[in-house]
Amino acid sequence: MTPDEYYFEEGCFIVELHNIPVDPAVSVARARVEPGRITRWHSLKGIEERYLIVQGTGRVEVGSQAPRDVRQNDVVRIPPGCRQRIANTGPDDLVFLAICTPRFVPAAYRDLDQTVPAP
Protein backbone atom coordinates (compact mmCIF):
# COMPACT_ATOMS: atom_id res chain seq x y z
CA MET A 1 0.00 0.00 0.00
CA THR A 2 1.40 3.40 -0.98
CA PRO A 3 0.92 6.51 1.21
CA ASP A 4 -1.69 7.93 -1.23
CA GLU A 5 -3.65 4.67 -1.46
CA TYR A 6 -6.87 4.22 0.49
CA TYR A 7 -9.45 1.47 0.85
CA PHE A 8 -12.72 2.27 -0.91
CA GLU A 9 -16.03 0.77 0.22
CA GLU A 10 -16.40 -0.89 -3.17
CA GLY A 11 -13.81 -3.50 -2.13
CA CYS A 12 -10.59 -2.20 -3.67
CA PHE A 13 -7.72 0.17 -2.98
CA ILE A 14 -7.60 3.52 -4.81
CA VAL A 15 -4.98 6.13 -5.66
CA GLU A 16 -6.49 9.30 -7.15
CA LEU A 17 -4.19 10.28 -10.02
CA HIS A 18 -6.30 13.11 -11.43
CA ASN A 19 -9.62 14.28 -10.03
CA ILE A 20 -9.97 18.03 -9.63
CA PRO A 21 -12.98 20.36 -9.87
CA VAL A 22 -11.24 22.67 -12.38
CA ASP A 23 -11.14 19.74 -14.85
CA PRO A 24 -14.66 18.31 -14.56
CA ALA A 25 -14.47 16.40 -17.85
CA VAL A 26 -12.36 13.47 -16.59
CA SER A 27 -10.84 11.73 -13.61
CA VAL A 28 -8.27 8.95 -13.45
CA ALA A 29 -7.72 6.64 -10.49
CA ARG A 30 -5.49 3.61 -10.00
CA ALA A 31 -7.50 0.73 -8.54
CA ARG A 32 -6.04 -2.40 -6.94
CA VAL A 33 -7.99 -5.57 -6.16
CA GLU A 34 -6.24 -8.18 -4.05
CA PRO A 35 -6.09 -11.86 -5.14
CA GLY A 36 -9.34 -13.72 -4.56
CA ARG A 37 -11.36 -10.54 -3.99
CA ILE A 38 -14.33 -9.19 -5.92
CA THR A 39 -15.71 -5.67 -5.80
CA ARG A 40 -19.30 -4.90 -4.90
CA TRP A 41 -21.96 -4.54 -7.53
CA HIS A 42 -22.18 -0.79 -8.07
CA SER A 43 -23.04 1.85 -10.64
CA LEU A 44 -22.06 5.44 -11.32
CA LYS A 45 -24.96 7.80 -12.00
CA GLY A 46 -24.26 10.00 -15.02
CA ILE A 47 -20.63 8.86 -15.39
CA GLU A 48 -19.14 6.67 -18.10
CA GLU A 49 -16.18 4.62 -16.88
CA ARG A 50 -13.39 2.75 -18.60
CA TYR A 51 -11.13 0.20 -16.96
CA LEU A 52 -7.66 0.00 -18.50
CA ILE A 53 -6.08 -3.17 -17.10
CA VAL A 54 -2.46 -2.50 -16.11
CA GLN A 55 -1.52 -5.70 -14.28
CA GLY A 56 -2.98 -9.07 -13.36
CA THR A 57 -6.00 -11.01 -14.51
CA GLY A 58 -9.64 -10.69 -13.66
CA ARG A 59 -13.23 -11.22 -14.63
CA VAL A 60 -15.46 -8.21 -15.20
CA GLU A 61 -19.23 -8.13 -15.20
CA VAL A 62 -21.06 -5.19 -16.79
CA GLY A 63 -24.85 -4.95 -16.88
CA SER A 64 -26.46 -8.01 -18.42
CA GLN A 65 -23.42 -8.88 -20.56
CA ALA A 66 -21.74 -12.25 -20.04
CA PRO A 67 -18.76 -12.13 -17.64
CA ARG A 68 -15.52 -11.33 -19.48
CA ASP A 69 -11.98 -12.32 -18.60
CA VAL A 70 -9.51 -9.42 -18.69
CA ARG A 71 -5.74 -9.05 -18.58
CA GLN A 72 -3.04 -6.44 -19.12
CA ASN A 73 -3.88 -3.82 -21.82
CA ASP A 74 -7.58 -4.77 -22.05
CA VAL A 75 -10.11 -1.92 -21.92
CA VAL A 76 -13.61 -2.30 -20.51
CA ARG A 77 -16.25 0.37 -21.27
CA ILE A 78 -19.00 0.82 -18.70
CA PRO A 79 -21.94 3.05 -19.70
CA PRO A 80 -23.37 5.55 -17.17
CA GLY A 81 -25.66 3.96 -14.59
CA CYS A 82 -24.74 0.40 -15.60
CA ARG A 83 -24.12 -2.12 -12.82
CA GLN A 84 -20.57 -3.43 -12.65
CA ARG A 85 -18.07 -5.41 -10.63
CA ILE A 86 -14.65 -6.97 -11.14
CA ALA A 87 -12.96 -9.99 -9.58
CA ASN A 88 -9.27 -10.75 -9.28
CA THR A 89 -8.85 -14.27 -10.69
CA GLY A 90 -5.05 -14.42 -10.52
CA PRO A 91 -2.37 -14.94 -7.88
CA ASP A 92 -1.17 -11.30 -7.94
CA ASP A 93 -2.86 -7.94 -7.48
CA LEU A 94 -5.22 -6.85 -10.27
CA VAL A 95 -4.40 -3.22 -11.08
CA PHE A 96 -6.34 -1.01 -13.47
CA LEU A 97 -6.92 2.63 -14.27
CA ALA A 98 -10.50 3.77 -13.75
CA ILE A 99 -11.09 6.61 -16.20
CA CYS A 100 -14.36 8.47 -15.59
CA THR A 101 -16.09 10.98 -17.85
CA PRO A 102 -17.21 13.30 -16.45
CA ARG A 103 -15.00 13.08 -13.36
CA PHE A 104 -15.91 10.79 -10.47
CA VAL A 105 -17.74 12.40 -7.57
CA PRO A 106 -18.78 10.38 -4.50
CA ALA A 107 -22.45 11.43 -4.87
CA ALA A 108 -22.62 9.48 -8.16
CA TYR A 109 -21.64 6.17 -6.54
CA ARG A 110 -24.49 3.68 -6.05
CA ASP A 111 -23.79 0.60 -3.93
CA LEU A 112 -25.91 -2.26 -5.28
CA ASP A 113 -24.46 -5.08 -3.19
CA GLN A 114 -23.91 -5.39 0.54
CA THR A 115 -22.02 -8.71 0.41
CA VAL A 116 -18.33 -7.68 0.25
CA PRO A 117 -16.65 -7.37 3.68
CA ALA A 118 -13.76 -4.99 4.28
CA PRO A 119 -10.25 -6.53 4.29
C-alpha atoms as a PDB file:
ATOM      1  CA  MET A   1       0.000   0.000   0.000  1.00  0.00           C
ATOM      2  CA  THR A   2       1.396   3.403  -0.979  1.00  0.00           C
ATOM      3  CA  PRO A   3       0.917   6.510   1.210  1.00  0.00           C
ATOM      4  CA  ASP A   4      -1.685   7.927  -1.228  1.00  0.00           C
ATOM      5  CA  GLU A   5      -3.648   4.668  -1.463  1.00  0.00           C
ATOM      6  CA  TYR A   6      -6.869   4.224   0.488  1.00  0.00           C
ATOM      7  CA  TYR A   7      -9.446   1.466   0.849  1.00  0.00           C
ATOM      8  CA  PHE A   8     -12.720   2.266  -0.907  1.00  0.00           C
ATOM      9  CA  GLU A   9     -16.033   0.772   0.224  1.00  0.00           C
ATOM     10  CA  GLU A  10     -16.404  -0.893  -3.174  1.00  0.00           C
ATOM     11  CA  GLY A  11     -13.813  -3.495  -2.126  1.00  0.00           C
ATOM     12  CA  CYS A  12     -10.595  -2.203  -3.675  1.00  0.00           C
ATOM     13  CA  PHE A  13      -7.718   0.166  -2.984  1.00  0.00           C
ATOM     14  CA  ILE A  14      -7.598   3.516  -4.806  1.00  0.00           C
ATOM     15  CA  VAL A  15      -4.981   6.135  -5.658  1.00  0.00           C
ATOM     16  CA  GLU A  16      -6.488   9.297  -7.151  1.00  0.00           C
ATOM     17  CA  LEU A  17      -4.189  10.280 -10.024  1.00  0.00           C
ATOM     18  CA  HIS A  18      -6.304  13.106 -11.432  1.00  0.00           C
ATOM     19  CA  ASN A  19      -9.621  14.278 -10.029  1.00  0.00           C
ATOM     20  CA  ILE A  20      -9.969  18.027  -9.628  1.00  0.00           C
ATOM     21  CA  PRO A  21     -12.979  20.360  -9.873  1.00  0.00           C
ATOM     22  CA  VAL A  22     -11.243  22.669 -12.377  1.00  0.00           C
ATOM     23  CA  ASP A  23     -11.136  19.736 -14.853  1.00  0.00           C
ATOM     24  CA  PRO A  24     -14.660  18.306 -14.558  1.00  0.00           C
ATOM     25  CA  ALA A  25     -14.466  16.396 -17.850  1.00  0.00           C
ATOM     26  CA  VAL A  26     -12.362  13.470 -16.594  1.00  0.00           C
ATOM     27  CA  SER A  27     -10.838  11.730 -13.614  1.00  0.00           C
ATOM     28  CA  VAL A  28      -8.269   8.946 -13.452  1.00  0.00           C
ATOM     29  CA  ALA A  29      -7.720   6.640 -10.490  1.00  0.00           C
ATOM     30  CA  ARG A  30      -5.489   3.611 -10.004  1.00  0.00           C
ATOM     31  CA  ALA A  31      -7.500   0.729  -8.537  1.00  0.00           C
ATOM     32  CA  ARG A  32      -6.040  -2.396  -6.945  1.00  0.00           C
ATOM     33  CA  VAL A  33      -7.986  -5.572  -6.162  1.00  0.00           C
ATOM     34  CA  GLU A  34      -6.236  -8.185  -4.049  1.00  0.00           C
ATOM     35  CA  PRO A  35      -6.087 -11.859  -5.135  1.00  0.00           C
ATOM     36  CA  GLY A  36      -9.342 -13.720  -4.563  1.00  0.00           C
ATOM     37  CA  ARG A  37     -11.357 -10.535  -3.991  1.00  0.00           C
ATOM     38  CA  ILE A  38     -14.329  -9.193  -5.920  1.00  0.00           C
ATOM     39  CA  THR A  39     -15.707  -5.672  -5.799  1.00  0.00           C
ATOM     40  CA  ARG A  40     -19.302  -4.901  -4.900  1.00  0.00           C
ATOM     41  CA  TRP A  41     -21.957  -4.536  -7.526  1.00  0.00           C
ATOM     42  CA  HIS A  42     -22.182  -0.794  -8.065  1.00  0.00           C
ATOM     43  CA  SER A  43     -23.042   1.851 -10.638  1.00  0.00           C
ATOM     44  CA  LEU A  44     -22.058   5.443 -11.322  1.00  0.00           C
ATOM     45  CA  LYS A  45     -24.959   7.797 -11.997  1.00  0.00           C
ATOM     46  CA  GLY A  46     -24.256   9.999 -15.017  1.00  0.00           C
ATOM     47  CA  ILE A  47     -20.633   8.855 -15.389  1.00  0.00           C
ATOM     48  CA  GLU A  48     -19.139   6.671 -18.096  1.00  0.00           C
ATOM     49  CA  GLU A  49     -16.179   4.621 -16.883  1.00  0.00           C
ATOM     50  CA  ARG A  50     -13.392   2.745 -18.602  1.00  0.00           C
ATOM     51  CA  TYR A  51     -11.125   0.203 -16.958  1.00  0.00           C
ATOM     52  CA  LEU A  52      -7.659  -0.001 -18.502  1.00  0.00           C
ATOM     53  CA  ILE A  53      -6.079  -3.166 -17.100  1.00  0.00           C
ATOM     54  CA  VAL A  54      -2.465  -2.498 -16.110  1.00  0.00           C
ATOM     55  CA  GLN A  55      -1.522  -5.700 -14.280  1.00  0.00           C
ATOM     56  CA  GLY A  56      -2.979  -9.070 -13.360  1.00  0.00           C
ATOM     57  CA  THR A  57      -5.998 -11.014 -14.513  1.00  0.00           C
ATOM     58  CA  GLY A  58      -9.643 -10.685 -13.661  1.00  0.00           C
ATOM     59  CA  ARG A  59     -13.233 -11.225 -14.630  1.00  0.00           C
ATOM     60  CA  VAL A  60     -15.456  -8.213 -15.196  1.00  0.00           C
ATOM     61  CA  GLU A  61     -19.234  -8.128 -15.205  1.00  0.00           C
ATOM     62  CA  VAL A  62     -21.063  -5.193 -16.787  1.00  0.00           C
ATOM     63  CA  GLY A  63     -24.846  -4.947 -16.875  1.00  0.00           C
ATOM     64  CA  SER A  64     -26.465  -8.012 -18.417  1.00  0.00           C
ATOM     65  CA  GLN A  65     -23.416  -8.877 -20.557  1.00  0.00           C
ATOM     66  CA  ALA A  66     -21.738 -12.247 -20.038  1.00  0.00           C
ATOM     67  CA  PRO A  67     -18.757 -12.133 -17.636  1.00  0.00           C
ATOM     68  CA  ARG A  68     -15.523 -11.328 -19.481  1.00  0.00           C
ATOM     69  CA  ASP A  69     -11.976 -12.323 -18.601  1.00  0.00           C
ATOM     70  CA  VAL A  70      -9.511  -9.421 -18.691  1.00  0.00           C
ATOM     71  CA  ARG A  71      -5.743  -9.048 -18.579  1.00  0.00           C
ATOM     72  CA  GLN A  72      -3.041  -6.438 -19.124  1.00  0.00           C
ATOM     73  CA  ASN A  73      -3.883  -3.824 -21.818  1.00  0.00           C
ATOM     74  CA  ASP A  74      -7.579  -4.772 -22.050  1.00  0.00           C
ATOM     75  CA  VAL A  75     -10.106  -1.921 -21.918  1.00  0.00           C
ATOM     76  CA  VAL A  76     -13.608  -2.300 -20.507  1.00  0.00           C
ATOM     77  CA  ARG A  77     -16.246   0.365 -21.273  1.00  0.00           C
ATOM     78  CA  ILE A  78     -19.000   0.825 -18.699  1.00  0.00           C
ATOM     79  CA  PRO A  79     -21.944   3.054 -19.697  1.00  0.00           C
ATOM     80  CA  PRO A  80     -23.374   5.546 -17.171  1.00  0.00           C
ATOM     81  CA  GLY A  81     -25.665   3.959 -14.592  1.00  0.00           C
ATOM     82  CA  CYS A  82     -24.739   0.403 -15.598  1.00  0.00           C
ATOM     83  CA  ARG A  83     -24.118  -2.121 -12.819  1.00  0.00           C
ATOM     84  CA  GLN A  84     -20.568  -3.433 -12.654  1.00  0.00           C
ATOM     85  CA  ARG A  85     -18.070  -5.414 -10.627  1.00  0.00           C
ATOM     86  CA  ILE A  86     -14.648  -6.967 -11.137  1.00  0.00           C
ATOM     87  CA  ALA A  87     -12.958  -9.989  -9.578  1.00  0.00           C
ATOM     88  CA  ASN A  88      -9.265 -10.755  -9.282  1.00  0.00           C
ATOM     89  CA  THR A  89      -8.848 -14.275 -10.687  1.00  0.00           C
ATOM     90  CA  GLY A  90      -5.055 -14.420 -10.523  1.00  0.00           C
ATOM     91  CA  PRO A  91      -2.367 -14.937  -7.884  1.00  0.00           C
ATOM     92  CA  ASP A  92      -1.170 -11.297  -7.936  1.00  0.00           C
ATOM     93  CA  ASP A  93      -2.863  -7.938  -7.481  1.00  0.00           C
ATOM     94  CA  LEU A  94      -5.224  -6.850 -10.268  1.00  0.00           C
ATOM     95  CA  VAL A  95      -4.395  -3.224 -11.085  1.00  0.00           C
ATOM     96  CA  PHE A  96      -6.335  -1.011 -13.473  1.00  0.00           C
ATOM     97  CA  LEU A  97      -6.919   2.629 -14.274  1.00  0.00           C
ATOM     98  CA  ALA A  98     -10.502   3.771 -13.750  1.00  0.00           C
ATOM     99  CA  ILE A  99     -11.091   6.608 -16.204  1.00  0.00           C
ATOM    100  CA  CYS A 100     -14.356   8.468 -15.592  1.00  0.00           C
ATOM    101  CA  THR A 101     -16.094  10.983 -17.853  1.00  0.00           C
ATOM    102  CA  PRO A 102     -17.209  13.305 -16.454  1.00  0.00           C
ATOM    103  CA  ARG A 103     -15.003  13.078 -13.363  1.00  0.00           C
ATOM    104  CA  PHE A 104     -15.909  10.791 -10.471  1.00  0.00           C
ATOM    105  CA  VAL A 105     -17.738  12.401  -7.573  1.00  0.00           C
ATOM    106  CA  PRO A 106     -18.781  10.379  -4.499  1.00  0.00           C
ATOM    107  CA  ALA A 107     -22.446  11.432  -4.868  1.00  0.00           C
ATOM    108  CA  ALA A 108     -22.622   9.475  -8.164  1.00  0.00           C
ATOM    109  CA  TYR A 109     -21.642   6.168  -6.544  1.00  0.00           C
ATOM    110  CA  ARG A 110     -24.488   3.682  -6.049  1.00  0.00           C
ATOM    111  CA  ASP A 111     -23.791   0.599  -3.928  1.00  0.00           C
ATOM    112  CA  LEU A 112     -25.909  -2.257  -5.279  1.00  0.00           C
ATOM    113  CA  ASP A 113     -24.462  -5.079  -3.190  1.00  0.00           C
ATOM    114  CA  GLN A 114     -23.914  -5.391   0.536  1.00  0.00           C
ATOM    115  CA  THR A 115     -22.022  -8.712   0.411  1.00  0.00           C
ATOM    116  CA  VAL A 116     -18.332  -7.681   0.250  1.00  0.00           C
ATOM    117  CA  PRO A 117     -16.649  -7.370   3.681  1.00  0.00           C
ATOM    118  CA  ALA A 118     -13.757  -4.988   4.282  1.00  0.00           C
ATOM    119  CA  PRO A 119     -10.247  -6.535   4.286  1.00  0.00           C
END
